[in-house]
């Protein structure tokens, strides 16, 4: 699908999977180091669809260009806006939920702070700060996010240590909550558990589904 960037239009990949006339669509963005076909995201999306939700996974422009490092945040925000607009064309009348792994979730939150039209946001491991640098918080925009926000976080994630910093950031938001995954790392791996990335992603789906069903019932 096309995304209009300052330097011109660029095509990005979009994986759309939906039942007929879906009531809810979860738009899923990848983390900084992997594209939309990472097994974690594929397993997560499959589990959502098994419960009747539609999903739309997409790549950011830097991945399409074959680069390893993310581009400007403005490009990611424009991509989020373009993807959500396309999803609303594909599923008119459906509720749309923005969901992102790490970097992808942070970019969704920045887009939402600027008015991205979604019904709620889900962060799969929000990167509160770089590992070992708790003084470099990425939270200034979060209070401006109006839709409901769900933070799924592992208690051993180095991006949210100390955990109290995330709790304080969430308390500053208009409508947000945290679901802690005990022992989970940044990709929700738990020491001693032998699960594939796809299984780990799928294991988070019930929490997200409960959030979507609960928030959707109030809209």
C-alpha atoms as a PDB file:
ATOM      1  CA  UNK A   1       0.000   0.000   0.000  1.00  0.00           C
ATOM      2  CA  UNK A   2       1.231   3.562  -0.652  1.00  0.00           C
ATOM      3  CA  UNK A   3       2.524   5.887   2.059  1.00  0.00           C
ATOM      4  CA  UNK A   4       3.129   9.562   1.286  1.00  0.00           C
ATOM      5  CA  UNK A   5       6.464  10.585   2.794  1.00  0.00           C
ATOM      6  CA  UNK A   6       8.150  13.995   2.459  1.00  0.00           C
ATOM      7  CA  UNK A   7      10.503  12.621  -0.209  1.00  0.00           C
ATOM      8  CA  UNK A   8       7.671  11.041  -2.185  1.00  0.00           C
ATOM      9  CA  UNK A   9       5.320   8.094  -2.187  1.00  0.00           C
ATOM     10  CA  UNK A  10       6.588   4.708  -1.016  1.00  0.00           C
ATOM     11  CA  UNK A  11       4.941   1.292  -1.085  1.00  0.00           C
ATOM     12  CA  UNK A  12       4.899  -0.696   2.159  1.00  0.00           C
ATOM     13  CA  UNK A  13       3.728  -4.254   2.692  1.00  0.00           C
ATOM     14  CA  UNK A  14       0.365  -4.892   4.349  1.00  0.00           C
ATOM     15  CA  UNK A  15      -0.866  -8.340   5.394  1.00  0.00           C
ATOM     16  CA  UNK A  16      -4.653  -8.172   5.699  1.00  0.00           C
ATOM     17  CA  UNK A  17      -6.595 -11.118   7.165  1.00  0.00           C
ATOM     18  CA  UNK A  18     -10.240 -10.684   8.046  1.00  0.00           C
ATOM     19  CA  UNK A  19     -13.608 -12.418   8.230  1.00  0.00           C
ATOM     20  CA  UNK A  20     -16.525 -10.909   6.340  1.00  0.00           C
ATOM     21  CA  UNK A  21     -17.595  -7.605   7.889  1.00  0.00           C
ATOM     22  CA  UNK A  22     -15.323  -7.677  10.960  1.00  0.00           C
ATOM     23  CA  UNK A  23     -16.355  -5.670  14.005  1.00  0.00           C
ATOM     24  CA  UNK A  24     -12.780  -5.180  15.217  1.00  0.00           C
ATOM     25  CA  UNK A  25      -9.442  -4.873  13.416  1.00  0.00           C
ATOM     26  CA  UNK A  26      -6.079  -5.034  15.190  1.00  0.00           C
ATOM     27  CA  UNK A  27      -3.352  -3.203  13.259  1.00  0.00           C
ATOM     28  CA  UNK A  28       0.022  -4.656  14.223  1.00  0.00           C
ATOM     29  CA  UNK A  29       3.403  -2.936  13.890  1.00  0.00           C
ATOM     30  CA  UNK A  30       6.768  -4.632  14.293  1.00  0.00           C
ATOM     31  CA  UNK A  31       9.679  -3.781  16.564  1.00  0.00           C
ATOM     32  CA  UNK A  32      12.833  -1.984  15.488  1.00  0.00           C
ATOM     33  CA  UNK A  33      14.827  -5.089  14.671  1.00  0.00           C
ATOM     34  CA  UNK A  34      12.319  -7.236  12.771  1.00  0.00           C
ATOM     35  CA  UNK A  35       9.668  -6.860  10.084  1.00  0.00           C
ATOM     36  CA  UNK A  36       6.007  -7.781  10.068  1.00  0.00           C
ATOM     37  CA  UNK A  37       6.642 -11.481   9.357  1.00  0.00           C
ATOM     38  CA  UNK A  38       8.527 -12.162  12.580  1.00  0.00           C
ATOM     39  CA  UNK A  39       7.118 -15.399  14.091  1.00  0.00           C
ATOM     40  CA  UNK A  40       6.158 -13.583  17.319  1.00  0.00           C
ATOM     41  CA  UNK A  41       3.825 -11.263  15.396  1.00  0.00           C
ATOM     42  CA  UNK A  42       2.531 -13.995  13.095  1.00  0.00           C
ATOM     43  CA  UNK A  43       1.648 -16.219  16.061  1.00  0.00           C
ATOM     44  CA  UNK A  44       0.047 -13.294  17.880  1.00  0.00           C
ATOM     45  CA  UNK A  45      -2.050 -12.356  14.833  1.00  0.00           C
ATOM     46  CA  UNK A  46      -3.154 -15.950  14.227  1.00  0.00           C
ATOM     47  CA  UNK A  47      -4.381 -16.229  17.816  1.00  0.00           C
ATOM     48  CA  UNK A  48      -6.366 -13.002  17.461  1.00  0.00           C
ATOM     49  CA  UNK A  49      -7.987 -14.243  14.269  1.00  0.00           C
ATOM     50  CA  UNK A  50      -8.902 -17.525  15.933  1.00  0.00           C
ATOM     51  CA  UNK A  51     -11.145 -15.444  18.190  1.00  0.00           C
ATOM     52  CA  UNK A  52     -12.788 -13.681  15.245  1.00  0.00           C
ATOM     53  CA  UNK A  53     -10.745 -10.486  15.091  1.00  0.00           C
ATOM     54  CA  UNK A  54      -9.334  -9.128  11.847  1.00  0.00           C
ATOM     55  CA  UNK A  55      -5.624  -8.300  11.706  1.00  0.00           C
ATOM     56  CA  UNK A  56      -3.436  -6.071   9.563  1.00  0.00           C
ATOM     57  CA  UNK A  57       0.341  -6.384   9.859  1.00  0.00           C
ATOM     58  CA  UNK A  58       2.578  -3.886   8.076  1.00  0.00           C
ATOM     59  CA  UNK A  59       6.179  -2.831   7.565  1.00  0.00           C
ATOM     60  CA  UNK A  60       7.654   0.571   8.244  1.00  0.00           C
ATOM     61  CA  UNK A  61       9.419   2.274   5.292  1.00  0.00           C
ATOM     62  CA  UNK A  62      12.952   1.583   6.513  1.00  0.00           C
ATOM     63  CA  UNK A  63      12.276  -2.167   6.444  1.00  0.00           C
ATOM     64  CA  UNK A  64      10.883  -1.940   2.917  1.00  0.00           C
ATOM     65  CA  UNK A  65      14.051  -0.096   1.925  1.00  0.00           C
ATOM     66  CA  UNK A  66      16.211  -2.887   3.339  1.00  0.00           C
ATOM     67  CA  UNK A  67      17.675  -0.812   6.156  1.00  0.00           C
ATOM     68  CA  UNK A  68      18.275  -2.113   9.665  1.00  0.00           C
ATOM     69  CA  UNK A  69      17.898   1.138  11.586  1.00  0.00           C
ATOM     70  CA  UNK A  70      14.551   2.933  11.924  1.00  0.00           C
ATOM     71  CA  UNK A  71      14.048   6.116   9.954  1.00  0.00           C
ATOM     72  CA  UNK A  72      12.665   9.405  11.290  1.00  0.00           C
ATOM     73  CA  UNK A  73       9.771   9.128  13.723  1.00  0.00           C
ATOM     74  CA  UNK A  74       7.760  11.392  11.411  1.00  0.00           C
ATOM     75  CA  UNK A  75       7.918   8.709   8.698  1.00  0.00           C
ATOM     76  CA  UNK A  76       6.617   6.077  11.102  1.00  0.00           C
ATOM     77  CA  UNK A  77       3.777   8.358  12.203  1.00  0.00           C
ATOM     78  CA  UNK A  78       2.796   8.988   8.580  1.00  0.00           C
ATOM     79  CA  UNK A  79       2.870   5.243   7.970  1.00  0.00           C
ATOM     80  CA  UNK A  80       0.599   4.564  10.918  1.00  0.00           C
ATOM     81  CA  UNK A  81      -1.874   7.157   9.624  1.00  0.00           C
ATOM     82  CA  UNK A  82      -1.827   5.709   6.108  1.00  0.00           C
ATOM     83  CA  UNK A  83      -2.301   2.144   7.311  1.00  0.00           C
ATOM     84  CA  UNK A  84      -5.204   3.036   9.601  1.00  0.00           C
ATOM     85  CA  UNK A  85      -6.855   4.961   6.768  1.00  0.00           C
ATOM     86  CA  UNK A  86      -6.470   1.937   4.473  1.00  0.00           C
ATOM     87  CA  UNK A  87      -7.876  -0.405   7.117  1.00  0.00           C
ATOM     88  CA  UNK A  88     -10.916   1.815   7.507  1.00  0.00           C
ATOM     89  CA  UNK A  89     -11.456   1.508   3.758  1.00  0.00           C
ATOM     90  CA  UNK A  90     -11.185  -2.280   3.947  1.00  0.00           C
ATOM     91  CA  UNK A  91     -13.462  -2.590   6.991  1.00  0.00           C
ATOM     92  CA  UNK A  92     -15.801   0.397   7.116  1.00  0.00           C
ATOM     93  CA  UNK A  93     -17.599   0.623  10.425  1.00  0.00           C
ATOM     94  CA  UNK A  94     -15.165  -1.623  12.291  1.00  0.00           C
ATOM     95  CA  UNK A  95     -13.405  -0.558  15.452  1.00  0.00           C
ATOM     96  CA  UNK A  96      -9.674  -0.166  14.838  1.00  0.00           C
ATOM     97  CA  UNK A  97      -7.027  -0.941  17.467  1.00  0.00           C
ATOM     98  CA  UNK A  98      -3.376   0.020  17.127  1.00  0.00           C
ATOM     99  CA  UNK A  99      -0.931  -2.556  18.449  1.00  0.00           C
ATOM    100  CA  UNK A 100       2.845  -2.527  18.277  1.00  0.00           C
ATOM    101  CA  UNK A 101       5.830  -4.481  19.476  1.00  0.00           C
ATOM    102  CA  UNK A 102       8.322  -2.190  21.238  1.00  0.00           C
ATOM    103  CA  UNK A 103       9.299   0.496  18.674  1.00  0.00           C
ATOM    104  CA  UNK A 104       6.105  -0.082  16.684  1.00  0.00           C
ATOM    105  CA  UNK A 105       3.995   0.552  19.765  1.00  0.00           C
ATOM    106  CA  UNK A 106       5.905   3.691  20.701  1.00  0.00           C
ATOM    107  CA  UNK A 107       5.384   5.044  17.185  1.00  0.00           C
ATOM    108  CA  UNK A 108       1.663   4.275  17.513  1.00  0.00           C
ATOM    109  CA  UNK A 109       1.522   6.221  20.759  1.00  0.00           C
ATOM    110  CA  UNK A 110       3.228   9.199  19.144  1.00  0.00           C
ATOM    111  CA  UNK A 111       0.770   9.051  16.243  1.00  0.00           C
ATOM    112  CA  UNK A 112      -2.144   8.832  18.693  1.00  0.00           C
ATOM    113  CA  UNK A 113      -0.843  11.851  20.594  1.00  0.00           C
ATOM    114  CA  UNK A 114      -1.144  13.710  17.283  1.00  0.00           C
ATOM    115  CA  UNK A 115      -4.699  12.486  16.707  1.00  0.00           C
ATOM    116  CA  UNK A 116      -4.460   9.033  15.080  1.00  0.00           C
ATOM    117  CA  UNK A 117      -8.078   7.862  14.857  1.00  0.00           C
ATOM    118  CA  UNK A 118      -8.092   4.514  16.669  1.00  0.00           C
ATOM    119  CA  UNK A 119     -10.327   3.080  19.373  1.00  0.00           C
ATOM    120  CA  UNK A 120      -7.479   1.981  21.611  1.00  0.00           C
ATOM    121  CA  UNK A 121      -3.802   1.079  21.719  1.00  0.00           C
ATOM    122  CA  UNK A 122      -1.891  -1.996  22.853  1.00  0.00           C
ATOM    123  CA  UNK A 123       1.851  -1.959  23.520  1.00  0.00           C
ATOM    124  CA  UNK A 124       3.708  -5.268  23.488  1.00  0.00           C
ATOM    125  CA  UNK A 125       6.764  -4.280  25.513  1.00  0.00           C
ATOM    126  CA  UNK A 126       6.759  -0.485  25.511  1.00  0.00           C
ATOM    127  CA  UNK A 127      10.386   0.751  25.318  1.00  0.00           C
ATOM    128  CA  UNK A 128      10.202   3.215  28.187  1.00  0.00           C
ATOM    129  CA  UNK A 129      13.918   3.979  27.932  1.00  0.00           C
ATOM    130  CA  UNK A 130      17.052   2.406  26.424  1.00  0.00           C
ATOM    131  CA  UNK A 131      18.350  -0.498  28.557  1.00  0.00           C
ATOM    132  CA  UNK A 132      20.448   0.786  31.442  1.00  0.00           C
ATOM    133  CA  UNK A 133      19.476   4.413  30.814  1.00  0.00           C
ATOM    134  CA  UNK A 134      16.399   5.098  32.971  1.00  0.00           C
ATOM    135  CA  UNK A 135      17.100   8.838  32.761  1.00  0.00           C
ATOM    136  CA  UNK A 136      16.183   8.855  29.050  1.00  0.00           C
ATOM    137  CA  UNK A 137      12.435   8.382  29.343  1.00  0.00           C
ATOM    138  CA  UNK A 138      10.153   8.336  26.296  1.00  0.00           C
ATOM    139  CA  UNK A 139       6.959   9.466  27.982  1.00  0.00           C
ATOM    140  CA  UNK A 140       6.373  13.164  27.272  1.00  0.00           C
ATOM    141  CA  UNK A 141       3.621  12.525  24.743  1.00  0.00           C
ATOM    142  CA  UNK A 142       1.725   9.789  26.599  1.00  0.00           C
ATOM    143  CA  UNK A 143      -0.633  12.075  28.577  1.00  0.00           C
ATOM    144  CA  UNK A 144      -1.852  13.478  25.228  1.00  0.00           C
ATOM    145  CA  UNK A 145      -3.065  10.048  24.055  1.00  0.00           C
ATOM    146  CA  UNK A 146      -6.865  10.070  24.375  1.00  0.00           C
ATOM    147  CA  UNK A 147      -7.865   6.469  23.485  1.00  0.00           C
ATOM    148  CA  UNK A 148      -7.536   3.709  26.058  1.00  0.00           C
ATOM    149  CA  UNK A 149      -4.049   2.213  26.328  1.00  0.00           C
ATOM    150  CA  UNK A 150      -2.957  -1.263  27.424  1.00  0.00           C
ATOM    151  CA  UNK A 151       0.694  -1.822  28.319  1.00  0.00           C
ATOM    152  CA  UNK A 152       1.751  -5.485  28.274  1.00  0.00           C
ATOM    153  CA  UNK A 153       5.124  -5.643  29.980  1.00  0.00           C
ATOM    154  CA  UNK A 154       7.468  -8.330  31.238  1.00  0.00           C
ATOM    155  CA  UNK A 155       8.745  -7.788  34.761  1.00  0.00           C
ATOM    156  CA  UNK A 156      12.294  -8.631  33.599  1.00  0.00           C
ATOM    157  CA  UNK A 157      12.227  -6.305  30.589  1.00  0.00           C
ATOM    158  CA  UNK A 158      15.374  -4.110  30.726  1.00  0.00           C
ATOM    159  CA  UNK A 159      13.509  -1.359  28.871  1.00  0.00           C
ATOM    160  CA  UNK A 160      11.230  -0.719  31.898  1.00  0.00           C
ATOM    161  CA  UNK A 161      13.571  -1.023  34.873  1.00  0.00           C
ATOM    162  CA  UNK A 162      12.757   0.136  37.480  1.00  0.00           C
ATOM    163  CA  UNK A 163       9.126  -0.908  37.047  1.00  0.00           C
ATOM    164  CA  UNK A 164       7.943   2.043  39.112  1.00  0.00           C
ATOM    165  CA  UNK A 165       8.857   4.407  36.266  1.00  0.00           C
ATOM    166  CA  UNK A 166       6.340   2.756  33.942  1.00  0.00           C
ATOM    167  CA  UNK A 167       3.710   2.763  36.658  1.00  0.00           C
ATOM    168  CA  UNK A 168       4.239   6.509  37.098  1.00  0.00           C
ATOM    169  CA  UNK A 169       4.053   7.104  33.349  1.00  0.00           C
ATOM    170  CA  UNK A 170       0.826   5.127  33.051  1.00  0.00           C
ATOM    171  CA  UNK A 171      -0.672   6.999  35.998  1.00  0.00           C
ATOM    172  CA  UNK A 172      -0.125  10.241  34.047  1.00  0.00           C
ATOM    173  CA  UNK A 173      -2.230   9.011  31.119  1.00  0.00           C
ATOM    174  CA  UNK A 174      -5.890   9.715  30.492  1.00  0.00           C
ATOM    175  CA  UNK A 175      -6.977   6.059  30.313  1.00  0.00           C
ATOM    176  CA  UNK A 176      -4.266   3.412  30.641  1.00  0.00           C
ATOM    177  CA  UNK A 177      -3.426   0.211  32.461  1.00  0.00           C
ATOM    178  CA  UNK A 178      -0.589  -2.284  32.751  1.00  0.00           C
ATOM    179  CA  UNK A 179      -0.692  -6.063  32.538  1.00  0.00           C
ATOM    180  CA  UNK A 180       2.522  -7.506  33.938  1.00  0.00           C
ATOM    181  CA  UNK A 181       3.900 -10.776  32.564  1.00  0.00           C
ATOM    182  CA  UNK A 182       5.801 -12.255  35.488  1.00  0.00           C
ATOM    183  CA  UNK A 183       9.392 -13.063  34.582  1.00  0.00           C
ATOM    184  CA  UNK A 184       8.989 -11.875  31.002  1.00  0.00           C
ATOM    185  CA  UNK A 185      11.812 -10.204  29.104  1.00  0.00           C
ATOM    186  CA  UNK A 186      11.464  -7.624  26.344  1.00  0.00           C
ATOM    187  CA  UNK A 187      10.095 -10.251  23.944  1.00  0.00           C
ATOM    188  CA  UNK A 188       8.166 -11.916  26.789  1.00  0.00           C
ATOM    189  CA  UNK A 189      10.572 -14.820  27.012  1.00  0.00           C
ATOM    190  CA  UNK A 190      10.524 -16.383  30.482  1.00  0.00           C
ATOM    191  CA  UNK A 191      13.568 -18.174  31.833  1.00  0.00           C
ATOM    192  CA  UNK A 192      12.950 -21.919  32.036  1.00  0.00           C
ATOM    193  CA  UNK A 193      10.015 -21.895  29.598  1.00  0.00           C
ATOM    194  CA  UNK A 194      10.660 -23.548  26.256  1.00  0.00           C
ATOM    195  CA  UNK A 195       8.298 -21.804  23.871  1.00  0.00           C
ATOM    196  CA  UNK A 196       8.804 -20.654  20.312  1.00  0.00           C
ATOM    197  CA  UNK A 197       8.433 -16.988  19.431  1.00  0.00           C
ATOM    198  CA  UNK A 198       5.115 -17.798  17.727  1.00  0.00           C
ATOM    199  CA  UNK A 199       3.817 -19.535  20.845  1.00  0.00           C
ATOM    200  CA  UNK A 200       4.937 -16.648  23.024  1.00  0.00           C
ATOM    201  CA  UNK A 201       3.124 -14.150  20.819  1.00  0.00           C
ATOM    202  CA  UNK A 202      -0.010 -16.285  20.750  1.00  0.00           C
ATOM    203  CA  UNK A 203       0.074 -16.507  24.527  1.00  0.00           C
ATOM    204  CA  UNK A 204      -0.467 -12.748  24.815  1.00  0.00           C
ATOM    205  CA  UNK A 205      -3.566 -12.741  22.618  1.00  0.00           C
ATOM    206  CA  UNK A 206      -6.130 -13.594  25.336  1.00  0.00           C
ATOM    207  CA  UNK A 207      -5.116 -10.535  27.370  1.00  0.00           C
ATOM    208  CA  UNK A 208      -5.435  -8.303  24.306  1.00  0.00           C
ATOM    209  CA  UNK A 209      -8.769  -9.850  23.323  1.00  0.00           C
ATOM    210  CA  UNK A 210     -10.159  -9.223  26.806  1.00  0.00           C
ATOM    211  CA  UNK A 211      -9.049  -5.582  26.594  1.00  0.00           C
ATOM    212  CA  UNK A 212     -10.612  -5.116  23.151  1.00  0.00           C
ATOM    213  CA  UNK A 213     -13.894  -6.798  24.092  1.00  0.00           C
ATOM    214  CA  UNK A 214     -14.120  -4.763  27.284  1.00  0.00           C
ATOM    215  CA  UNK A 215     -13.290  -1.420  25.729  1.00  0.00           C
ATOM    216  CA  UNK A 216     -15.356  -2.163  22.635  1.00  0.00           C
ATOM    217  CA  UNK A 217     -18.429  -2.789  24.749  1.00  0.00           C
ATOM    218  CA  UNK A 218     -18.148   0.751  26.110  1.00  0.00           C
ATOM    219  CA  UNK A 219     -17.922   2.441  22.698  1.00  0.00           C
END
